[in-house]
Amino acid sequence: MPLATSKHIALITFCEFCGTFMFLLFAYGGVTVGNIAIGGEPSTTNEYLSFLLFGATSFGVSLAVNAWIFYRVTGSLFNPAVTMAFLLAGLMHPIRAVILIVAQLLGGIAAAATIDALTPGSLSVANVLSPNISATQGLLLEMFLTAELILSIFMLAVEKHRATFIAPLGIGLALFIGHIVGIYFTGAGLNPARSLGPCVVTKSFPGYHWIYWVGPGLGAILATAFYKLLVAMDYRDANPDQDCESPPPLQVSQE
């Protein structure tokens, strides 16, 4: 894909920063409300599951809303792993990818700093690896969860069809289910910008922080490879007429 004009690059970069900031501001804000409501740590299973659902909903809905807002301007990537996948798929110029990744990382830091400044107590939205799993397990979980998210973007937004206009809903749901599965084990990073922001603001980088970069990066590679395989195998012809106004008439044999 060719590099856009400098005017458009500036607009896209600014809006990608704003979109990432707004997405993570409301997502971090939802998690912060949940933390305040339970007093820091859930004391019962039901309380924990309610907190998990609240956090997953905050991230999923925030992504859906803000992706819908900025989709026509930037494509609403909001995630360095998604940007990497677009680059690997040949959908983005390398220079544009680098610029957007910087904007996304800065947006994540700004969102974490804003929530830290506007809410009581210390910031508590960082990704935390469960003591019940190893860094390798966490890495692979991050890879598969991110791959699911990116594949939803490829198939719902990149591939044009009658449901493309509601792609943000499906993508938000993909992030929602990723958080349902991942929060307990890894804190559900799925996005280096999401993981970096709280660490920068709190000046705390755990030894396993690398999994929130490598895992989503591997997820981007996996999702892109699978998407390109589907395209190479002409998946569109495997189940045709999905976007027809009405199904084709049945062909009745005259034999």
Protein backbone atom coordinates (compact mmCIF):
# COMPACT_ATOMS: atom_id res chain seq x y z
CA MET A 1 0.00 0.00 0.00
CA PRO A 2 1.49 3.40 -0.93
CA LEU A 3 2.40 5.98 1.66
CA ALA A 4 -0.29 8.66 2.04
CA THR A 5 0.40 12.36 1.71
CA SER A 6 2.09 14.13 4.61
CA LYS A 7 -1.18 15.92 5.42
CA HIS A 8 -3.05 12.63 5.67
CA ILE A 9 -0.25 10.97 7.62
CA ALA A 10 -0.43 13.78 10.19
CA LEU A 11 -4.21 13.44 10.45
CA ILE A 12 -4.09 9.65 10.72
CA THR A 13 -1.32 9.77 13.32
CA PHE A 14 -3.17 12.33 15.42
CA CYS A 15 -6.44 10.39 15.26
CA GLU A 16 -4.72 7.08 15.98
CA PHE A 17 -3.21 8.66 19.10
CA CYS A 18 -6.62 10.07 20.09
CA GLY A 19 -8.41 6.81 19.35
CA THR A 20 -5.93 4.72 21.34
CA PHE A 21 -6.10 7.24 24.16
CA MET A 22 -9.91 7.20 24.29
CA PHE A 23 -10.14 3.42 23.95
CA LEU A 24 -7.73 2.81 26.82
CA LEU A 25 -8.94 5.75 28.92
CA PHE A 26 -12.43 4.26 29.17
CA ALA A 27 -11.13 0.69 29.42
CA TYR A 28 -8.71 1.56 32.25
CA GLY A 29 -11.45 3.67 33.81
CA GLY A 30 -13.86 0.74 33.89
CA VAL A 31 -11.27 -1.51 35.52
CA THR A 32 -10.49 1.22 38.05
CA VAL A 33 -14.18 1.51 38.98
CA GLY A 34 -14.27 -2.26 39.48
CA ASN A 35 -11.18 -2.13 41.68
CA ILE A 36 -12.68 0.61 43.84
CA ALA A 37 -16.00 -1.23 44.14
CA ILE A 38 -14.40 -4.43 45.48
CA GLY A 39 -11.88 -2.62 47.65
CA GLY A 40 -8.81 -3.74 45.73
CA GLU A 41 -9.11 -7.53 45.91
CA PRO A 42 -12.21 -9.71 45.36
CA SER A 43 -13.04 -11.72 48.47
CA THR A 44 -15.41 -14.31 46.98
CA THR A 45 -15.66 -16.29 43.75
CA ASN A 46 -18.80 -14.44 42.70
CA GLU A 47 -17.14 -11.11 43.39
CA TYR A 48 -14.13 -12.12 41.30
CA LEU A 49 -16.27 -13.32 38.39
CA SER A 50 -18.27 -10.09 38.50
CA PHE A 51 -15.04 -8.09 38.42
CA LEU A 52 -13.73 -10.20 35.53
CA LEU A 53 -16.93 -9.64 33.55
CA PHE A 54 -16.87 -5.91 34.35
CA GLY A 55 -13.28 -5.58 33.15
CA ALA A 56 -13.86 -7.60 29.99
CA THR A 57 -16.95 -5.55 29.18
CA SER A 58 -15.07 -2.29 29.74
CA PHE A 59 -12.39 -3.25 27.24
CA GLY A 60 -14.71 -4.81 24.67
CA VAL A 61 -17.29 -2.02 24.63
CA SER A 62 -14.67 0.73 24.70
CA LEU A 63 -12.92 -0.78 21.68
CA ALA A 64 -16.21 -1.20 19.79
CA VAL A 65 -17.32 2.39 20.41
CA ASN A 66 -14.00 4.05 19.64
CA ALA A 67 -13.31 1.82 16.64
CA TRP A 68 -16.65 2.93 15.23
CA ILE A 69 -15.76 6.59 15.82
CA PHE A 70 -12.35 6.53 14.13
CA TYR A 71 -12.76 3.73 11.57
CA ARG A 72 -13.21 6.04 8.57
CA VAL A 73 -10.14 8.10 9.45
CA THR A 74 -7.49 5.66 10.64
CA GLY A 75 -8.94 2.17 10.35
CA SER A 76 -9.03 2.13 14.18
CA LEU A 77 -6.00 -0.06 14.82
CA PHE A 78 -5.19 1.18 18.37
CA ASN A 79 -2.72 -1.71 18.81
CA PRO A 80 0.91 -2.18 17.68
CA ALA A 81 0.25 -5.90 17.14
CA VAL A 82 -2.60 -5.09 14.74
CA THR A 83 -0.40 -2.56 12.95
CA MET A 84 2.31 -5.21 12.63
CA ALA A 85 -0.23 -7.64 11.16
CA PHE A 86 -1.32 -5.05 8.59
CA LEU A 87 2.31 -4.50 7.66
CA LEU A 88 2.94 -8.24 7.27
CA ALA A 89 -0.21 -8.60 5.16
CA GLY A 90 0.95 -5.86 2.79
CA LEU A 91 -1.85 -3.54 3.83
CA MET A 92 0.36 -0.76 5.17
CA HIS A 93 3.56 1.07 4.23
CA PRO A 94 6.44 0.39 6.70
CA ILE A 95 6.96 4.09 7.48
CA ARG A 96 3.28 4.55 8.24
CA ALA A 97 3.36 1.45 10.46
CA VAL A 98 6.27 2.79 12.53
CA ILE A 99 4.61 6.19 12.95
CA LEU A 100 1.31 4.64 14.03
CA ILE A 101 2.98 2.29 16.51
CA VAL A 102 4.66 5.28 18.19
CA ALA A 103 1.31 7.11 18.31
CA GLN A 104 -0.40 4.05 19.81
CA LEU A 105 2.24 3.60 22.51
CA LEU A 106 2.05 7.28 23.43
CA GLY A 107 -1.75 7.06 23.51
CA GLY A 108 -1.57 4.16 25.95
CA ILE A 109 0.84 6.02 28.23
CA ALA A 110 -1.31 9.16 28.13
CA ALA A 111 -4.46 7.18 28.98
CA ALA A 112 -2.81 5.48 31.96
CA ALA A 113 -1.41 8.80 33.21
CA THR A 114 -4.82 10.47 32.89
CA ILE A 115 -6.64 7.76 34.83
CA ASP A 116 -3.90 7.84 37.48
CA ALA A 117 -4.34 11.62 37.83
CA LEU A 118 -8.14 11.66 37.87
CA THR A 119 -8.98 8.72 40.15
CA PRO A 120 -8.23 8.11 43.85
CA GLY A 121 -5.53 5.74 45.01
CA SER A 122 -2.69 4.24 43.06
CA LEU A 123 -3.09 3.06 39.48
CA SER A 124 -3.99 -0.64 39.43
CA VAL A 125 -4.67 -1.63 35.83
CA ALA A 126 -1.39 -3.33 34.91
CA ASN A 127 -1.23 -6.79 33.37
CA VAL A 128 -0.21 -9.35 35.99
CA LEU A 129 0.87 -12.91 35.25
CA SER A 130 -0.87 -15.47 37.44
CA PRO A 131 1.48 -17.37 39.78
CA ASN A 132 -0.26 -20.55 38.61
CA ILE A 133 1.25 -20.41 35.12
CA SER A 134 4.73 -19.99 33.66
CA ALA A 135 5.95 -17.17 31.45
CA THR A 136 5.94 -19.59 28.51
CA GLN A 137 2.29 -20.46 29.11
CA GLY A 138 1.46 -16.78 29.42
CA LEU A 139 3.34 -16.07 26.20
CA LEU A 140 1.37 -18.68 24.26
CA LEU A 141 -1.94 -17.50 25.73
CA GLU A 142 -1.15 -13.95 24.66
CA MET A 143 -0.27 -15.24 21.19
CA PHE A 144 -3.52 -17.13 20.65
CA LEU A 145 -5.76 -14.47 22.18
CA THR A 146 -4.16 -11.75 20.07
CA ALA A 147 -4.39 -13.91 16.95
CA GLU A 148 -8.14 -14.28 17.52
CA LEU A 149 -8.53 -10.52 17.84
CA ILE A 150 -6.50 -9.79 14.70
CA LEU A 151 -8.25 -12.48 12.68
CA SER A 152 -11.58 -10.86 13.56
CA ILE A 153 -10.24 -7.58 12.17
CA PHE A 154 -9.07 -9.20 8.94
CA MET A 155 -12.31 -11.07 8.32
CA LEU A 156 -14.77 -8.41 9.51
CA ALA A 157 -13.11 -5.12 8.52
CA VAL A 158 -10.42 -5.78 5.92
CA GLU A 159 -12.55 -8.23 3.93
CA LYS A 160 -15.47 -6.18 2.64
CA HIS A 161 -18.97 -7.67 2.91
CA ARG A 162 -22.50 -6.69 3.89
CA ALA A 163 -21.67 -6.79 7.60
CA THR A 164 -18.53 -4.65 7.38
CA PHE A 165 -20.39 -1.61 8.73
CA ILE A 166 -20.88 -3.42 12.06
CA ALA A 167 -17.32 -4.77 12.15
CA PRO A 168 -16.50 -2.75 15.32
CA LEU A 169 -19.12 -4.79 17.21
CA GLY A 170 -17.56 -8.11 16.24
CA ILE A 171 -14.05 -6.83 16.95
CA GLY A 172 -15.16 -5.55 20.36
CA LEU A 173 -16.67 -8.96 21.11
CA ALA A 174 -13.39 -10.63 20.10
CA LEU A 175 -11.57 -8.47 22.65
CA PHE A 176 -14.30 -9.21 25.21
CA ILE A 177 -13.91 -13.00 24.91
CA GLY A 178 -10.14 -12.60 24.90
CA HIS A 179 -10.40 -10.86 28.27
CA ILE A 180 -12.83 -13.43 29.65
CA VAL A 181 -10.24 -16.13 28.92
CA GLY A 182 -7.09 -14.16 29.60
CA ILE A 183 -7.66 -11.90 32.61
CA TYR A 184 -7.14 -14.61 35.22
CA PHE A 185 -3.97 -15.96 33.61
CA THR A 186 -2.13 -12.97 32.13
CA GLY A 187 -4.31 -9.96 32.80
CA ALA A 188 -5.22 -10.10 29.09
CA GLY A 189 -2.71 -7.83 27.40
CA LEU A 190 -3.33 -8.52 23.68
CA ASN A 191 -1.91 -5.08 22.98
CA PRO A 192 1.58 -3.72 23.80
CA ALA A 193 0.19 -0.18 24.09
CA ARG A 194 -2.29 -1.39 26.73
CA SER A 195 0.46 -3.20 28.66
CA LEU A 196 3.12 -0.49 28.44
CA GLY A 197 1.09 2.49 29.68
CA PRO A 198 0.52 1.40 33.30
CA CYS A 199 4.13 0.19 33.64
CA VAL A 200 5.49 3.57 32.53
CA VAL A 201 3.18 5.51 34.84
CA THR A 202 3.87 3.33 37.90
CA LYS A 203 7.55 2.89 36.95
CA SER A 204 7.19 -0.85 37.49
CA PHE A 205 8.26 -3.38 34.86
CA PRO A 206 7.97 -7.01 36.05
CA GLY A 207 10.49 -9.51 34.74
CA TYR A 208 7.87 -11.18 32.57
CA HIS A 209 6.75 -7.93 30.90
CA TRP A 210 8.33 -9.11 27.65
CA ILE A 211 5.51 -11.63 27.08
CA TYR A 212 3.12 -8.73 26.45
CA TRP A 213 5.27 -7.72 23.47
CA VAL A 214 6.45 -11.05 22.10
CA GLY A 215 3.09 -12.82 22.58
CA PRO A 216 1.02 -10.28 20.62
CA GLY A 217 3.79 -10.10 18.02
CA LEU A 218 3.62 -13.86 17.50
CA GLY A 219 -0.17 -13.57 17.43
CA ALA A 220 0.13 -11.03 14.61
CA ILE A 221 2.32 -13.42 12.64
CA LEU A 222 -0.04 -16.35 13.26
CA ALA A 223 -3.19 -14.43 12.32
CA THR A 224 -1.59 -12.97 9.20
CA ALA A 225 -0.33 -16.36 8.05
CA PHE A 226 -3.77 -17.92 8.54
CA TYR A 227 -5.51 -15.04 6.76
CA LYS A 228 -3.13 -15.21 3.78
CA LEU A 229 -3.63 -18.98 3.63
CA LEU A 230 -7.41 -18.50 3.43
CA VAL A 231 -7.02 -15.94 0.66
CA ALA A 232 -4.54 -18.14 -1.23
CA MET A 233 -7.00 -21.03 -1.08
CA ASP A 234 -9.80 -18.83 -2.52
CA TYR A 235 -11.95 -19.07 0.59
CA ARG A 236 -14.52 -16.74 -0.98
CA ASP A 237 -15.52 -19.51 -3.39
CA ALA A 238 -15.88 -22.14 -0.67
CA ASN A 239 -19.20 -20.79 0.58
CA PRO A 240 -20.45 -18.38 -2.11
CA ASP A 241 -23.46 -16.05 -2.19
CA GLN A 242 -23.10 -15.01 1.45
CA ASP A 243 -23.68 -11.37 0.52
CA CYS A 244 -26.54 -11.88 -1.91
CA GLU A 245 -29.80 -10.03 -1.30
CA SER A 246 -31.57 -13.38 -1.57
CA PRO A 247 -30.28 -16.94 -1.90
CA PRO A 248 -29.90 -18.30 -5.43
CA PRO A 249 -32.75 -20.54 -6.61
CA LEU A 250 -32.36 -24.24 -6.10
CA GLN A 251 -31.29 -26.11 -9.19
CA VAL A 252 -33.76 -28.98 -9.54
CA SER A 253 -32.60 -31.86 -11.65
CA GLN A 254 -34.88 -32.66 -14.62
CA GLU A 255 -33.74 -36.29 -14.78
